[in-house]
Amino acid sequence: MSETPNPIQVQKYLGGIDYPASKETILESARDAGADDNVLQALEAIPEGDYDAPTAVSSAISDAS
């Protein structure tokens, strides 16, 4: 996998998401916001489930890398 994006890179594509949000919702929102491949790969690697806040998404990315 490419270099893990930092949380700021990821969060700029996740604005406007209502939490809790599923992995699929997070991925769709990032795609719609024009996230680059590096960010999308990182989000695709997180476990299925609901995330209750942006920090939970960032933690899951760190854990998955």
PDB file of N, CA and C in Angstrom:
ATOM      1  N   MET A   1       0.846  -1.186   0.000  1.00  0.00           N
ATOM      2  CA  MET A   1       0.000   0.000   0.000  1.00  0.00           C
ATOM      3  C   MET A   1       0.885   1.241   0.000  1.00  0.00           C
ATOM      4  N   SER A   2       0.361   2.315  -0.566  1.00  0.00           N
ATOM      5  CA  SER A   2       1.137   3.551  -0.563  1.00  0.00           C
ATOM      6  C   SER A   2       1.233   4.113   0.849  1.00  0.00           C
ATOM      7  N   GLU A   3       1.914   5.214   0.921  1.00  0.00           N
ATOM      8  CA  GLU A   3       2.096   5.868   2.214  1.00  0.00           C
ATOM      9  C   GLU A   3       0.736   6.216   2.828  1.00  0.00           C
ATOM     10  N   THR A   4       0.597   5.961   4.117  1.00  0.00           N
ATOM     11  CA  THR A   4      -0.650   6.252   4.804  1.00  0.00           C
ATOM     12  C   THR A   4      -0.859   7.766   4.860  1.00  0.00           C
ATOM     13  N   PRO A   5      -2.046   8.225   4.411  1.00  0.00           N
ATOM     14  CA  PRO A   5      -2.290   9.673   4.472  1.00  0.00           C
ATOM     15  C   PRO A   5      -2.439  10.131   5.912  1.00  0.00           C
ATOM     16  N   ASN A   6      -2.069  11.371   6.181  1.00  0.00           N
ATOM     17  CA  ASN A   6      -2.224  11.861   7.548  1.00  0.00           C
ATOM     18  C   ASN A   6      -3.693  12.228   7.789  1.00  0.00           C
ATOM     19  N   PRO A   7      -4.102  12.313   9.048  1.00  0.00           N
ATOM     20  CA  PRO A   7      -5.523  12.556   9.355  1.00  0.00           C
ATOM     21  C   PRO A   7      -6.086  13.826   8.721  1.00  0.00           C
ATOM     22  N   ILE A   8      -5.269  14.846   8.582  1.00  0.00           N
ATOM     23  CA  ILE A   8      -5.762  16.084   7.978  1.00  0.00           C
ATOM     24  C   ILE A   8      -6.097  15.865   6.504  1.00  0.00           C
ATOM     25  N   GLN A   9      -5.251  15.104   5.797  1.00  0.00           N
ATOM     26  CA  GLN A   9      -5.527  14.787   4.399  1.00  0.00           C
ATOM     27  C   GLN A   9      -6.857  14.048   4.271  1.00  0.00           C
ATOM     28  N   VAL A  10      -7.093  13.106   5.159  1.00  0.00           N
ATOM     29  CA  VAL A  10      -8.321  12.303   5.107  1.00  0.00           C
ATOM     30  C   VAL A  10      -9.531  13.155   5.462  1.00  0.00           C
ATOM     31  N   GLN A  11      -9.442  13.897   6.540  1.00  0.00           N
ATOM     32  CA  GLN A  11     -10.606  14.629   7.047  1.00  0.00           C
ATOM     33  C   GLN A  11     -11.105  15.699   6.076  1.00  0.00           C
ATOM     34  N   LYS A  12     -10.221  16.232   5.236  1.00  0.00           N
ATOM     35  CA  LYS A  12     -10.691  17.268   4.312  1.00  0.00           C
ATOM     36  C   LYS A  12     -11.683  16.707   3.304  1.00  0.00           C
ATOM     37  N   TYR A  13     -11.700  15.378   3.126  1.00  0.00           N
ATOM     38  CA  TYR A  13     -12.655  14.746   2.213  1.00  0.00           C
ATOM     39  C   TYR A  13     -13.894  14.221   2.924  1.00  0.00           C
ATOM     40  N   LEU A  14     -13.930  14.334   4.238  1.00  0.00           N
ATOM     41  CA  LEU A  14     -15.042  13.756   4.996  1.00  0.00           C
ATOM     42  C   LEU A  14     -15.953  14.807   5.617  1.00  0.00           C
ATOM     43  N   GLY A  15     -15.808  16.048   5.214  1.00  0.00           N
ATOM     44  CA  GLY A  15     -16.662  17.103   5.751  1.00  0.00           C
ATOM     45  C   GLY A  15     -18.118  16.853   5.391  1.00  0.00           C
ATOM     46  N   GLY A  16     -19.004  17.150   6.302  1.00  0.00           N
ATOM     47  CA  GLY A  16     -20.425  17.022   6.035  1.00  0.00           C
ATOM     48  C   GLY A  16     -21.018  15.659   6.304  1.00  0.00           C
ATOM     49  N   ILE A  17     -20.202  14.707   6.719  1.00  0.00           N
ATOM     50  CA  ILE A  17     -20.740  13.379   7.046  1.00  0.00           C
ATOM     51  C   ILE A  17     -21.449  13.454   8.388  1.00  0.00           C
ATOM     52  N   ASP A  18     -22.630  12.844   8.441  1.00  0.00           N
ATOM     53  CA  ASP A  18     -23.337  12.708   9.714  1.00  0.00           C
ATOM     54  C   ASP A  18     -22.883  11.414  10.374  1.00  0.00           C
ATOM     55  N   TYR A  19     -22.343  11.532  11.573  1.00  0.00           N
ATOM     56  CA  TYR A  19     -21.889  10.363  12.316  1.00  0.00           C
ATOM     57  C   TYR A  19     -22.962   9.933  13.284  1.00  0.00           C
ATOM     58  N   PRO A  20     -23.097   8.650  13.602  1.00  0.00           N
ATOM     59  CA  PRO A  20     -22.252   7.558  13.118  1.00  0.00           C
ATOM     60  C   PRO A  20     -22.458   7.306  11.620  1.00  0.00           C
ATOM     61  N   ALA A  21     -21.380   6.853  10.981  1.00  0.00           N
ATOM     62  CA  ALA A  21     -21.404   6.592   9.548  1.00  0.00           C
ATOM     63  C   ALA A  21     -20.761   5.245   9.260  1.00  0.00           C
ATOM     64  N   SER A  22     -21.304   4.540   8.288  1.00  0.00           N
ATOM     65  CA  SER A  22     -20.748   3.246   7.895  1.00  0.00           C
ATOM     66  C   SER A  22     -19.508   3.451   7.030  1.00  0.00           C
ATOM     67  N   LYS A  23     -18.746   2.387   6.906  1.00  0.00           N
ATOM     68  CA  LYS A  23     -17.567   2.437   6.038  1.00  0.00           C
ATOM     69  C   LYS A  23     -17.986   2.827   4.627  1.00  0.00           C
ATOM     70  N   GLU A  24     -19.086   2.269   4.142  1.00  0.00           N
ATOM     71  CA  GLU A  24     -19.548   2.563   2.787  1.00  0.00           C
ATOM     72  C   GLU A  24     -19.909   4.036   2.626  1.00  0.00           C
ATOM     73  N   THR A  25     -20.577   4.613   3.616  1.00  0.00           N
ATOM     74  CA  THR A  25     -20.924   6.038   3.572  1.00  0.00           C
ATOM     75  C   THR A  25     -19.665   6.897   3.547  1.00  0.00           C
ATOM     76  N   ILE A  26     -18.697   6.516   4.356  1.00  0.00           N
ATOM     77  CA  ILE A  26     -17.432   7.254   4.415  1.00  0.00           C
ATOM     78  C   ILE A  26     -16.717   7.196   3.069  1.00  0.00           C
ATOM     79  N   LEU A  27     -16.657   5.996   2.472  1.00  0.00           N
ATOM     80  CA  LEU A  27     -16.020   5.850   1.162  1.00  0.00           C
ATOM     81  C   LEU A  27     -16.747   6.651   0.089  1.00  0.00           C
ATOM     82  N   GLU A  28     -18.080   6.580   0.060  1.00  0.00           N
ATOM     83  CA  GLU A  28     -18.856   7.323  -0.930  1.00  0.00           C
ATOM     84  C   GLU A  28     -18.625   8.823  -0.786  1.00  0.00           C
ATOM     85  N   SER A  29     -18.636   9.302   0.442  1.00  0.00           N
ATOM     86  CA  SER A  29     -18.429  10.734   0.676  1.00  0.00           C
ATOM     87  C   SER A  29     -17.048  11.170   0.222  1.00  0.00           C
ATOM     88  N   ALA A  30     -16.043  10.361   0.512  1.00  0.00           N
ATOM     89  CA  ALA A  30     -14.683  10.693   0.096  1.00  0.00           C
ATOM     90  C   ALA A  30     -14.575  10.710  -1.427  1.00  0.00           C
ATOM     91  N   ARG A  31     -15.180   9.720  -2.095  1.00  0.00           N
ATOM     92  CA  ARG A  31     -15.161   9.697  -3.571  1.00  0.00           C
ATOM     93  C   ARG A  31     -15.845  10.935  -4.132  1.00  0.00           C
ATOM     94  N   ASP A  32     -17.029  11.258  -3.588  1.00  0.00           N
ATOM     95  CA  ASP A  32     -17.782  12.422  -4.062  1.00  0.00           C
ATOM     96  C   ASP A  32     -17.007  13.719  -3.856  1.00  0.00           C
ATOM     97  N   ALA A  33     -16.175  13.757  -2.811  1.00  0.00           N
ATOM     98  CA  ALA A  33     -15.395  14.957  -2.509  1.00  0.00           C
ATOM     99  C   ALA A  33     -14.091  15.022  -3.308  1.00  0.00           C
ATOM    100  N   GLY A  34     -13.841  13.992  -4.126  1.00  0.00           N
ATOM    101  CA  GLY A  34     -12.654  14.007  -4.973  1.00  0.00           C
ATOM    102  C   GLY A  34     -11.382  13.527  -4.292  1.00  0.00           C
ATOM    103  N   ALA A  35     -11.535  12.627  -3.315  1.00  0.00           N
ATOM    104  CA  ALA A  35     -10.358  12.108  -2.603  1.00  0.00           C
ATOM    105  C   ALA A  35      -9.405  11.424  -3.577  1.00  0.00           C
ATOM    106  N   ASP A  36      -8.112  11.565  -3.322  1.00  0.00           N
ATOM    107  CA  ASP A  36      -7.118  10.923  -4.177  1.00  0.00           C
ATOM    108  C   ASP A  36      -7.031   9.426  -3.870  1.00  0.00           C
ATOM    109  N   ASP A  37      -6.322   8.711  -4.728  1.00  0.00           N
ATOM    110  CA  ASP A  37      -6.230   7.251  -4.591  1.00  0.00           C
ATOM    111  C   ASP A  37      -5.636   6.824  -3.263  1.00  0.00           C
ATOM    112  N   ASN A  38      -4.663   7.574  -2.769  1.00  0.00           N
ATOM    113  CA  ASN A  38      -4.014   7.241  -1.502  1.00  0.00           C
ATOM    114  C   ASN A  38      -5.031   7.250  -0.354  1.00  0.00           C
ATOM    115  N   VAL A  39      -5.870   8.276  -0.315  1.00  0.00           N
ATOM    116  CA  VAL A  39      -6.894   8.386   0.733  1.00  0.00           C
ATOM    117  C   VAL A  39      -7.930   7.280   0.558  1.00  0.00           C
ATOM    118  N   LEU A  40      -8.366   7.036  -0.668  1.00  0.00           N
ATOM    119  CA  LEU A  40      -9.367   5.996  -0.907  1.00  0.00           C
ATOM    120  C   LEU A  40      -8.842   4.618  -0.524  1.00  0.00           C
ATOM    121  N   GLN A  41      -7.581   4.330  -0.842  1.00  0.00           N
ATOM    122  CA  GLN A  41      -6.996   3.040  -0.457  1.00  0.00           C
ATOM    123  C   GLN A  41      -6.973   2.888   1.052  1.00  0.00           C
ATOM    124  N   ALA A  42      -6.636   3.953   1.748  1.00  0.00           N
ATOM    125  CA  ALA A  42      -6.596   3.906   3.213  1.00  0.00           C
ATOM    126  C   ALA A  42      -7.994   3.651   3.774  1.00  0.00           C
ATOM    127  N   LEU A  43      -9.003   4.309   3.216  1.00  0.00           N
ATOM    128  CA  LEU A  43     -10.372   4.111   3.699  1.00  0.00           C
ATOM    129  C   LEU A  43     -10.903   2.723   3.350  1.00  0.00           C
ATOM    130  N   GLU A  44     -10.505   2.197   2.199  1.00  0.00           N
ATOM    131  CA  GLU A  44     -10.936   0.842   1.824  1.00  0.00           C
ATOM    132  C   GLU A  44     -10.351  -0.209   2.757  1.00  0.00           C
ATOM    133  N   ALA A  45      -9.240   0.097   3.403  1.00  0.00           N
ATOM    134  CA  ALA A  45      -8.564  -0.862   4.284  1.00  0.00           C
ATOM    135  C   ALA A  45      -9.147  -0.895   5.697  1.00  0.00           C
ATOM    136  N   ILE A  46     -10.010   0.075   6.048  1.00  0.00           N
ATOM    137  CA  ILE A  46     -10.551   0.075   7.413  1.00  0.00           C
ATOM    138  C   ILE A  46     -11.596  -1.024   7.550  1.00  0.00           C
ATOM    139  N   PRO A  47     -11.794  -1.527   8.766  1.00  0.00           N
ATOM    140  CA  PRO A  47     -12.783  -2.595   8.975  1.00  0.00           C
ATOM    141  C   PRO A  47     -14.211  -2.116   8.700  1.00  0.00           C
ATOM    142  N   GLU A  48     -15.062  -3.054   8.290  1.00  0.00           N
ATOM    143  CA  GLU A  48     -16.488  -2.750   8.137  1.00  0.00           C
ATOM    144  C   GLU A  48     -17.033  -2.337   9.495  1.00  0.00           C
ATOM    145  N   GLY A  49     -18.051  -1.499   9.480  1.00  0.00           N
ATOM    146  CA  GLY A  49     -18.675  -1.101  10.731  1.00  0.00           C
ATOM    147  C   GLY A  49     -19.046   0.354  10.711  1.00  0.00           C
ATOM    148  N   ASP A  50     -19.598   0.813  11.811  1.00  0.00           N
ATOM    149  CA  ASP A  50     -19.992   2.212  11.951  1.00  0.00           C
ATOM    150  C   ASP A  50     -18.935   2.960  12.738  1.00  0.00           C
ATOM    151  N   TYR A  51     -18.673   4.169  12.312  1.00  0.00           N
ATOM    152  CA  TYR A  51     -17.686   5.029  12.955  1.00  0.00           C
ATOM    153  C   TYR A  51     -18.429   6.216  13.539  1.00  0.00           C
ATOM    154  N   ASP A  52     -18.137   6.527  14.812  1.00  0.00           N
ATOM    155  CA  ASP A  52     -18.926   7.531  15.506  1.00  0.00           C
ATOM    156  C   ASP A  52     -18.360   8.943  15.428  1.00  0.00           C
ATOM    157  N   ALA A  53     -17.179   9.098  14.857  1.00  0.00           N
ATOM    158  CA  ALA A  53     -16.568  10.430  14.771  1.00  0.00           C
ATOM    159  C   ALA A  53     -15.392  10.382  13.795  1.00  0.00           C
ATOM    160  N   PRO A  54     -14.976  11.540  13.288  1.00  0.00           N
ATOM    161  CA  PRO A  54     -13.806  11.577  12.407  1.00  0.00           C
ATOM    162  C   PRO A  54     -12.559  10.965  13.048  1.00  0.00           C
ATOM    163  N   THR A  55     -12.420  11.137  14.356  1.00  0.00           N
ATOM    164  CA  THR A  55     -11.244  10.565  15.026  1.00  0.00           C
ATOM    165  C   THR A  55     -11.255   9.042  14.982  1.00  0.00           C
ATOM    166  N   ALA A  56     -12.448   8.442  14.993  1.00  0.00           N
ATOM    167  CA  ALA A  56     -12.549   6.985  14.896  1.00  0.00           C
ATOM    168  C   ALA A  56     -12.082   6.505  13.523  1.00  0.00           C
ATOM    169  N   VAL A  57     -12.388   7.268  12.484  1.00  0.00           N
ATOM    170  CA  VAL A  57     -11.920   6.932  11.134  1.00  0.00           C
ATOM    171  C   VAL A  57     -10.404   7.035  11.073  1.00  0.00           C
ATOM    172  N   SER A  58      -9.857   8.102  11.621  1.00  0.00           N
ATOM    173  CA  SER A  58      -8.402   8.277  11.622  1.00  0.00           C
ATOM    174  C   SER A  58      -7.710   7.159  12.377  1.00  0.00           C
ATOM    175  N   SER A  59      -8.276   6.762  13.513  1.00  0.00           N
ATOM    176  CA  SER A  59      -7.696   5.662  14.294  1.00  0.00           C
ATOM    177  C   SER A  59      -7.735   4.353  13.510  1.00  0.00           C
ATOM    178  N   ALA A  60      -8.833   4.108  12.826  1.00  0.00           N
ATOM    179  CA  ALA A  60      -8.947   2.874  12.048  1.00  0.00           C
ATOM    180  C   ALA A  60      -7.936   2.847  10.917  1.00  0.00           C
ATOM    181  N   ILE A  61      -7.682   3.989  10.292  1.00  0.00           N
ATOM    182  CA  ILE A  61      -6.672   4.057   9.235  1.00  0.00           C
ATOM    183  C   ILE A  61      -5.296   3.755   9.806  1.00  0.00           C
ATOM    184  N   SER A  62      -4.994   4.328  10.949  1.00  0.00           N
ATOM    185  CA  SER A  62      -3.691   4.074  11.596  1.00  0.00           C
ATOM    186  C   SER A  62      -3.539   2.607  11.952  1.00  0.00           C
ATOM    187  N   ASP A  63      -4.603   1.999  12.479  1.00  0.00           N
ATOM    188  CA  ASP A  63      -4.564   0.590  12.876  1.00  0.00           C
ATOM    189  C   ASP A  63      -4.443  -0.335  11.660  1.00  0.00           C
ATOM    190  N   ALA A  64      -5.032   0.052  10.543  1.00  0.00           N
ATOM    191  CA  ALA A  64      -5.024  -0.792   9.343  1.00  0.00           C
ATOM    192  C   ALA A  64      -3.719  -0.700   8.566  1.00  0.00           C
ATOM    193  N   SER A  65      -2.926   0.325   8.822  1.00  0.00           N
ATOM    194  CA  SER A  65      -1.704   0.505   8.025  1.00  0.00           C
ATOM    195  C   SER A  65      -0.551  -0.322   8.560  1.00  0.00           C
TER     196      SER A  65
END
